[in-house]
């Protein structure tokens, strides 16, 4: 592997990868994490019957054994990183006056030590927000005023500590509903909307501008390149934000796609839709799954990852990156981030089909380059 991937594309965009905390934690920390997970699963199973579909059975995971080649791959082939989970709100904001910066500090140090840029993911999301933040001191629903104070405190505290270390920040994540392509509301799991109303997004961006004056401020979502209605819903949202002088400057396309869909033309139309508004566009969480899974309730059966399939996937990656180069030349696309490093630790393993692995990244379970990597480096 003499070719360094990020150097091949350095004239077009930064090339990033999501890094799991597994690679930055001690064995003792991992053991403590997995004990907590096991206890949580035991408590959860007491009140929730296990789903019967797809042969699903909730089991405590095992601590993965090393060695892990992932960090060496990052050092060699990427120039941008993002934390997969460790900078989300529930990992950092522990109570009213308690912040845990341990893991975020490690990511920043790893980035600095290896000359990598660093993205912050994420400030506001309906998932992985701590339960306490939506409650008052008696365990009831928190008031709008207090929740705003807590959110502002969180954003400004993160900015005070990390603004000089962060090149871009996902300010609001996944706020467009899949049901009606409007803002996700309380009936669609967003307590932020339920308590604060729709202007929580504007306020989050205004506070983020104060906290991260030199970073790109990103609104990030999935399936924008897959669903026309969702794309139009996001377009309506950001256009209104720009008209209100809200400092959003970047749209993040998560790009959790597969070997088959969407078509390149639809991806390019999506990038150009937002680029022509004067916004930057970045790909934030990309992989190319081996499964189309058009119906998540009945996902595709596990397949063999044959040489023929891996070559098909390699061509798909090549076509995508050629398209990204074209959109970069137009001044629209700035970053491309893969959601993971090796297939072994991809979030797509077991999702949406339990016990089904995937082979969606550029490096296999042993950290060896796949045909897709070879195709991108020729």
Protein backbone atom coordinates (compact mmCIF):
# COMPACT_ATOMS: atom_id res chain seq x y z
CA UNK A 1 0.00 0.00 0.00
CA UNK A 2 2.37 2.68 -1.20
CA UNK A 3 -0.38 4.95 -2.46
CA UNK A 4 -1.82 7.19 0.25
CA UNK A 5 -5.49 7.59 -0.47
CA UNK A 6 -5.93 11.14 0.79
CA UNK A 7 -3.00 12.36 -1.30
CA UNK A 8 -4.65 11.10 -4.48
CA UNK A 9 -7.70 13.28 -3.77
CA UNK A 10 -6.04 16.21 -1.99
CA UNK A 11 -6.70 18.57 -4.89
CA UNK A 12 -10.44 17.83 -4.67
CA UNK A 13 -11.55 17.20 -1.10
CA UNK A 14 -10.41 16.08 2.33
CA UNK A 15 -10.86 12.38 2.86
CA UNK A 16 -12.01 11.28 6.29
CA UNK A 17 -13.00 8.28 8.38
CA UNK A 18 -15.12 7.76 11.48
CA UNK A 19 -13.03 6.36 14.34
CA UNK A 20 -14.48 4.13 17.06
CA UNK A 21 -13.57 4.69 20.68
CA UNK A 22 -12.56 1.03 20.86
CA UNK A 23 -9.21 2.01 19.36
CA UNK A 24 -8.53 4.81 21.85
CA UNK A 25 -9.65 3.15 25.10
CA UNK A 26 -7.71 1.01 27.53
CA UNK A 27 -8.64 -2.61 28.14
CA UNK A 28 -9.99 -1.65 31.58
CA UNK A 29 -12.21 1.03 30.05
CA UNK A 30 -13.55 -1.41 27.47
CA UNK A 31 -14.33 -3.97 30.15
CA UNK A 32 -16.22 -1.36 32.16
CA UNK A 33 -18.14 -0.31 29.03
CA UNK A 34 -19.19 -3.86 28.25
CA UNK A 35 -20.28 -4.51 31.84
CA UNK A 36 -22.55 -1.44 31.58
CA UNK A 37 -23.92 -2.66 28.26
CA UNK A 38 -24.62 -6.10 29.69
CA UNK A 39 -26.48 -4.62 32.68
CA UNK A 40 -28.47 -2.33 30.40
CA UNK A 41 -29.50 -5.26 28.20
CA UNK A 42 -30.56 -7.29 31.25
CA UNK A 43 -32.73 -4.43 32.52
CA UNK A 44 -34.14 -3.73 29.06
CA UNK A 45 -35.18 -7.35 28.55
CA UNK A 46 -37.19 -7.29 31.79
CA UNK A 47 -39.66 -4.80 30.32
CA UNK A 48 -39.36 -5.35 26.56
CA UNK A 49 -40.22 -8.61 24.79
CA UNK A 50 -37.62 -9.62 22.25
CA UNK A 51 -38.66 -9.13 18.61
CA UNK A 52 -39.51 -12.36 16.87
CA UNK A 53 -38.67 -11.22 13.34
CA UNK A 54 -35.44 -12.20 11.60
CA UNK A 55 -34.48 -14.56 14.41
CA UNK A 56 -33.39 -11.60 16.51
CA UNK A 57 -32.11 -12.27 20.01
CA UNK A 58 -30.63 -9.49 22.11
CA UNK A 59 -27.30 -10.58 23.54
CA UNK A 60 -24.48 -8.76 25.27
CA UNK A 61 -21.57 -8.22 22.87
CA UNK A 62 -18.11 -9.53 23.56
CA UNK A 63 -15.06 -7.33 23.96
CA UNK A 64 -13.22 -7.45 20.62
CA UNK A 65 -9.72 -8.84 20.66
CA UNK A 66 -6.85 -7.03 18.92
CA UNK A 67 -4.57 -6.20 17.36
CA UNK A 68 -6.47 -3.51 15.49
CA UNK A 69 -4.93 -2.15 12.26
CA UNK A 70 -7.51 0.62 12.01
CA UNK A 71 -5.52 3.51 13.48
CA UNK A 72 -2.51 2.77 11.29
CA UNK A 73 -4.82 2.78 8.27
CA UNK A 74 -6.17 6.18 9.30
CA UNK A 75 -2.68 7.60 9.72
CA UNK A 76 -1.68 6.38 6.27
CA UNK A 77 -4.76 7.03 4.17
CA UNK A 78 -6.93 9.78 5.65
CA UNK A 79 -6.45 13.42 6.59
CA UNK A 80 -9.72 13.97 8.48
CA UNK A 81 -11.39 12.11 11.33
CA UNK A 82 -14.66 12.18 13.26
CA UNK A 83 -15.66 10.30 16.40
CA UNK A 84 -18.23 7.63 15.69
CA UNK A 85 -19.98 8.03 19.07
CA UNK A 86 -17.73 9.63 21.66
CA UNK A 87 -18.54 13.28 21.01
CA UNK A 88 -22.30 12.88 20.93
CA UNK A 89 -24.14 14.68 23.69
CA UNK A 90 -24.79 11.67 25.93
CA UNK A 91 -21.07 10.83 25.96
CA UNK A 92 -20.00 14.31 27.04
CA UNK A 93 -22.82 16.10 28.92
CA UNK A 94 -23.27 14.01 32.06
CA UNK A 95 -25.28 16.33 34.30
CA UNK A 96 -26.16 19.97 34.80
CA UNK A 97 -22.59 20.90 35.74
CA UNK A 98 -20.61 17.82 34.69
CA UNK A 99 -18.84 17.31 31.40
CA UNK A 100 -16.68 14.35 30.47
CA UNK A 101 -13.97 15.41 28.03
CA UNK A 102 -11.81 12.31 28.35
CA UNK A 103 -12.54 10.75 24.98
CA UNK A 104 -12.93 14.00 23.06
CA UNK A 105 -9.48 15.03 24.31
CA UNK A 106 -8.05 11.75 23.01
CA UNK A 107 -9.51 12.31 19.56
CA UNK A 108 -8.08 15.82 19.47
CA UNK A 109 -4.67 14.56 20.55
CA UNK A 110 -4.70 11.74 18.00
CA UNK A 111 -5.65 14.22 15.28
CA UNK A 112 -2.91 16.68 16.25
CA UNK A 113 -0.25 13.99 16.63
CA UNK A 114 -0.99 12.70 13.13
CA UNK A 115 -1.68 15.96 11.28
CA UNK A 116 -5.38 15.18 10.83
CA UNK A 117 -8.30 17.59 10.76
CA UNK A 118 -11.15 16.85 13.18
CA UNK A 119 -14.94 17.09 12.82
CA UNK A 120 -17.32 17.32 15.80
CA UNK A 121 -20.35 15.03 15.61
CA UNK A 122 -22.89 16.15 16.87
CA UNK A 123 -24.36 18.97 18.99
CA UNK A 124 -28.14 18.44 18.67
CA UNK A 125 -29.77 15.11 17.79
CA UNK A 126 -33.00 13.44 18.86
CA UNK A 127 -31.00 10.26 19.54
CA UNK A 128 -28.19 9.91 22.08
CA UNK A 129 -29.25 12.94 24.06
CA UNK A 130 -29.03 12.29 27.81
CA UNK A 131 -32.34 11.54 29.47
CA UNK A 132 -31.77 14.06 32.25
CA UNK A 133 -31.56 17.03 29.90
CA UNK A 134 -35.29 16.79 29.14
CA UNK A 135 -36.31 16.51 32.81
CA UNK A 136 -36.75 19.00 35.63
CA UNK A 137 -35.51 18.32 39.17
CA UNK A 138 -38.66 16.31 39.91
CA UNK A 139 -38.36 14.08 36.86
CA UNK A 140 -41.10 15.87 34.91
CA UNK A 141 -40.81 17.54 31.53
CA UNK A 142 -38.27 20.35 31.61
CA UNK A 143 -39.39 23.90 30.85
CA UNK A 144 -38.56 25.50 27.53
CA UNK A 145 -36.43 28.14 29.25
CA UNK A 146 -34.33 25.63 31.19
CA UNK A 147 -33.81 23.34 28.19
CA UNK A 148 -32.64 26.31 26.12
CA UNK A 149 -30.22 27.26 28.88
CA UNK A 150 -28.85 23.72 29.01
CA UNK A 151 -28.43 23.49 25.24
CA UNK A 152 -26.72 26.87 25.04
CA UNK A 153 -24.42 25.93 27.91
CA UNK A 154 -23.49 22.68 26.18
CA UNK A 155 -22.70 24.31 22.85
CA UNK A 156 -20.70 27.17 24.35
CA UNK A 157 -18.80 24.86 26.68
CA UNK A 158 -17.78 22.56 23.82
CA UNK A 159 -16.79 25.55 21.72
CA UNK A 160 -14.72 27.11 24.48
CA UNK A 161 -12.69 23.92 24.81
CA UNK A 162 -12.45 22.73 21.21
CA UNK A 163 -13.21 25.56 18.75
CA UNK A 164 -9.56 25.82 17.68
CA UNK A 165 -9.39 22.05 17.11
CA UNK A 166 -12.55 21.54 15.03
CA UNK A 167 -12.76 22.21 11.30
CA UNK A 168 -16.50 21.54 11.04
CA UNK A 169 -19.30 20.69 13.42
CA UNK A 170 -22.60 18.89 12.88
CA UNK A 171 -24.81 21.41 14.66
CA UNK A 172 -28.14 19.67 14.04
CA UNK A 173 -28.41 16.04 13.00
CA UNK A 174 -31.32 14.21 11.32
CA UNK A 175 -34.04 16.79 11.88
CA UNK A 176 -36.10 16.01 8.75
CA UNK A 177 -38.83 13.42 9.26
CA UNK A 178 -39.15 10.39 7.00
CA UNK A 179 -42.92 10.51 7.51
CA UNK A 180 -43.81 13.87 6.00
CA UNK A 181 -40.43 15.48 5.16
CA UNK A 182 -41.15 18.32 7.56
CA UNK A 183 -39.25 18.91 10.80
CA UNK A 184 -39.16 15.84 13.01
CA UNK A 185 -41.54 16.57 15.91
CA UNK A 186 -42.44 15.06 19.27
CA UNK A 187 -44.42 12.28 17.61
CA UNK A 188 -41.30 11.39 15.66
CA UNK A 189 -38.97 11.10 18.67
CA UNK A 190 -37.68 14.69 18.82
CA UNK A 191 -38.00 16.07 22.32
CA UNK A 192 -36.04 19.10 21.13
CA UNK A 193 -38.93 20.06 18.87
CA UNK A 194 -41.54 18.94 21.39
CA UNK A 195 -40.22 21.26 24.10
CA UNK A 196 -38.49 24.08 22.23
CA UNK A 197 -40.51 24.25 19.02
CA UNK A 198 -39.10 24.61 15.51
CA UNK A 199 -36.82 27.54 16.29
CA UNK A 200 -34.48 25.29 18.28
CA UNK A 201 -32.56 24.80 15.02
CA UNK A 202 -32.01 28.52 14.44
CA UNK A 203 -30.93 29.03 18.03
CA UNK A 204 -28.53 26.09 17.93
CA UNK A 205 -26.82 27.54 14.86
CA UNK A 206 -26.61 31.03 16.36
CA UNK A 207 -25.00 29.63 19.51
CA UNK A 208 -22.74 27.39 17.41
CA UNK A 209 -21.51 30.43 15.46
CA UNK A 210 -20.62 32.07 18.75
CA UNK A 211 -18.91 28.90 19.97
CA UNK A 212 -17.16 27.88 16.73
CA UNK A 213 -16.54 31.15 14.83
CA UNK A 214 -13.97 29.61 12.46
CA UNK A 215 -15.59 26.22 11.81
CA UNK A 216 -18.05 25.16 9.14
CA UNK A 217 -21.52 24.79 10.63
CA UNK A 218 -23.29 21.73 9.23
CA UNK A 219 -26.87 20.51 9.10
CA UNK A 220 -26.60 16.76 8.57
CA UNK A 221 -29.12 14.12 7.48
CA UNK A 222 -29.53 10.74 5.79
CA UNK A 223 -31.31 9.75 2.57
CA UNK A 224 -31.18 13.25 1.11
CA UNK A 225 -29.59 11.68 -1.96
CA UNK A 226 -32.14 8.83 -1.93
CA UNK A 227 -35.53 10.49 -1.38
CA UNK A 228 -36.69 13.47 -3.38
CA UNK A 229 -39.22 14.49 -0.73
CA UNK A 230 -36.65 14.52 2.04
CA UNK A 231 -34.21 16.45 -0.14
CA UNK A 232 -36.88 19.05 -0.85
CA UNK A 233 -37.74 19.26 2.84
CA UNK A 234 -34.12 20.01 3.71
CA UNK A 235 -33.87 22.52 0.87
CA UNK A 236 -36.91 24.38 2.18
CA UNK A 237 -35.44 24.40 5.69
CA UNK A 238 -31.96 25.70 4.79
CA UNK A 239 -33.27 28.23 2.28
CA UNK A 240 -35.45 29.69 5.03
CA UNK A 241 -32.52 29.70 7.43
CA UNK A 242 -30.39 31.64 4.94
CA UNK A 243 -33.22 34.13 4.42
CA UNK A 244 -33.34 34.62 8.21
CA UNK A 245 -29.56 35.12 8.31
CA UNK A 246 -29.00 31.95 10.32
CA UNK A 247 -25.32 30.97 9.95
CA UNK A 248 -25.69 27.55 8.33
CA UNK A 249 -22.99 27.20 5.69
CA UNK A 250 -22.83 23.45 4.97
CA UNK A 251 -25.21 20.58 4.24
CA UNK A 252 -24.00 17.11 5.24
CA UNK A 253 -25.11 14.15 3.17
CA UNK A 254 -24.66 11.04 5.28
CA UNK A 255 -24.60 8.85 2.16
CA UNK A 256 -25.40 5.47 3.74
CA UNK A 257 -25.86 3.94 0.32
CA UNK A 258 -25.39 0.56 -1.34
CA UNK A 259 -23.87 -1.07 -4.39
CA UNK A 260 -27.05 -0.45 -6.37
CA UNK A 261 -28.77 2.77 -5.24
CA UNK A 262 -29.01 5.71 -5.63
CA UNK A 263 -27.97 6.54 -9.15
CA UNK A 264 -24.95 8.82 -9.60
CA UNK A 265 -27.15 11.37 -11.38
CA UNK A 266 -29.39 11.68 -8.32
CA UNK A 267 -26.39 12.19 -6.03
CA UNK A 268 -25.04 14.93 -8.30
CA UNK A 269 -28.44 16.63 -8.44
CA UNK A 270 -28.55 16.63 -4.65
CA UNK A 271 -25.09 18.15 -4.28
CA UNK A 272 -25.84 20.81 -6.86
CA UNK A 273 -29.23 21.65 -5.35
CA UNK A 274 -27.58 22.79 -2.12
CA UNK A 275 -24.40 24.06 -3.76
CA UNK A 276 -26.41 26.44 -5.91
CA UNK A 277 -27.82 27.95 -2.72
CA UNK A 278 -24.28 29.02 -1.91
CA UNK A 279 -23.77 26.26 0.64
CA UNK A 280 -20.86 23.87 0.97
CA UNK A 281 -21.71 20.18 0.69
CA UNK A 282 -19.87 17.38 2.47
CA UNK A 283 -20.35 13.63 2.53
CA UNK A 284 -20.34 12.78 6.21
CA UNK A 285 -21.01 9.07 6.84
CA UNK A 286 -20.51 7.10 3.66
CA UNK A 287 -20.27 3.38 3.00
CA UNK A 288 -21.33 1.19 0.08
CA UNK A 289 -23.34 -1.70 1.51
CA UNK A 290 -23.45 -5.11 -0.12
CA UNK A 291 -27.25 -5.09 0.40
CA UNK A 292 -29.94 -2.98 -1.24
CA UNK A 293 -32.43 -3.68 1.62
CA UNK A 294 -35.33 -1.89 -0.03
CA UNK A 295 -37.56 -3.06 2.84
CA UNK A 296 -35.88 -2.93 6.25
CA UNK A 297 -38.65 -5.09 7.70
CA UNK A 298 -37.59 -7.84 5.30
CA UNK A 299 -33.89 -7.23 4.64
CA UNK A 300 -31.94 -9.11 2.01
CA UNK A 301 -30.50 -12.51 2.99
CA UNK A 302 -26.76 -12.77 3.61
CA UNK A 303 -24.76 -13.21 0.43
CA UNK A 304 -21.31 -14.48 -0.37
CA UNK A 305 -18.85 -11.68 -1.01
CA UNK A 306 -17.47 -13.18 -4.19
CA UNK A 307 -14.66 -11.82 -6.30
CA UNK A 308 -17.27 -10.75 -8.84
CA UNK A 309 -19.24 -8.81 -6.23
CA UNK A 310 -16.13 -7.11 -4.83
CA UNK A 311 -15.24 -5.96 -8.34
CA UNK A 312 -18.77 -4.61 -8.76
CA UNK A 313 -18.42 -2.73 -5.47
CA UNK A 314 -15.02 -1.44 -6.55
CA UNK A 315 -16.51 0.01 -9.72
CA UNK A 316 -19.28 1.60 -7.66
CA UNK A 317 -16.74 3.31 -5.39
CA UNK A 318 -14.76 4.47 -8.42
CA UNK A 319 -17.83 5.94 -10.12
CA UNK A 320 -18.81 7.74 -6.91
CA UNK A 321 -15.38 9.24 -6.37
CA UNK A 322 -15.18 10.36 -10.00
CA UNK A 323 -18.51 12.10 -9.47
CA UNK A 324 -17.23 13.67 -6.25
CA UNK A 325 -14.22 15.01 -8.13
CA UNK A 326 -16.54 16.61 -10.67
CA UNK A 327 -18.65 18.23 -7.96
CA UNK A 328 -15.51 19.44 -6.23
CA UNK A 329 -14.34 21.14 -9.43
CA UNK A 330 -17.65 23.00 -9.48
CA UNK A 331 -16.83 24.33 -6.01
CA UNK A 332 -19.60 22.45 -4.20
CA UNK A 333 -18.12 19.37 -2.50
CA UNK A 334 -15.50 19.90 0.22
CA UNK A 335 -15.13 16.67 2.24
CA UNK A 336 -15.83 12.95 1.87
CA UNK A 337 -15.96 10.94 5.11
CA UNK A 338 -16.34 7.15 5.29
CA UNK A 339 -18.29 5.83 8.27
CA UNK A 340 -15.68 3.44 9.53
CA UNK A 341 -12.32 2.03 8.56
CA UNK A 342 -12.49 -1.77 8.31
CA UNK A 343 -15.43 -4.05 7.67
CA UNK A 344 -14.91 -5.73 11.04
CA UNK A 345 -16.22 -2.74 12.97
CA UNK A 346 -18.76 -1.32 10.53
CA UNK A 347 -22.07 -0.30 12.09
CA UNK A 348 -23.73 -2.08 9.18
CA UNK A 349 -22.88 -5.45 10.70
CA UNK A 350 -26.18 -6.66 12.22
CA UNK A 351 -28.12 -3.70 10.79
CA UNK A 352 -30.83 -3.96 9.64
CA UNK A 353 -30.48 -7.77 9.73
CA UNK A 354 -29.22 -9.35 12.98
CA UNK A 355 -26.22 -11.66 12.56
CA UNK A 356 -25.66 -10.53 8.99
CA UNK A 357 -22.26 -9.01 8.32
CA UNK A 358 -21.59 -6.44 5.60
CA UNK A 359 -18.52 -5.63 3.54
CA UNK A 360 -19.15 -1.97 2.89
CA UNK A 361 -15.79 -0.23 3.43
CA UNK A 362 -12.41 -0.08 1.67
CA UNK A 363 -10.58 -2.46 4.01
CA UNK A 364 -11.64 -5.99 4.97
CA UNK A 365 -12.03 -7.46 8.45
CA UNK A 366 -8.26 -7.97 8.72
CA UNK A 367 -7.45 -4.46 7.56
CA UNK A 368 -6.32 -5.55 4.10
CA UNK A 369 -7.19 -3.32 1.14
CA UNK A 370 -10.11 -4.54 -0.96
CA UNK A 371 -10.58 -4.18 -4.72
CA UNK A 372 -12.42 -0.90 -4.05
CA UNK A 373 -9.28 0.56 -2.47
CA UNK A 374 -7.16 -0.70 -5.34
CA UNK A 375 -9.57 0.83 -7.85
CA UNK A 376 -9.38 4.23 -6.17
CA UNK A 377 -5.60 4.23 -6.06
CA UNK A 378 -4.88 3.22 -9.68
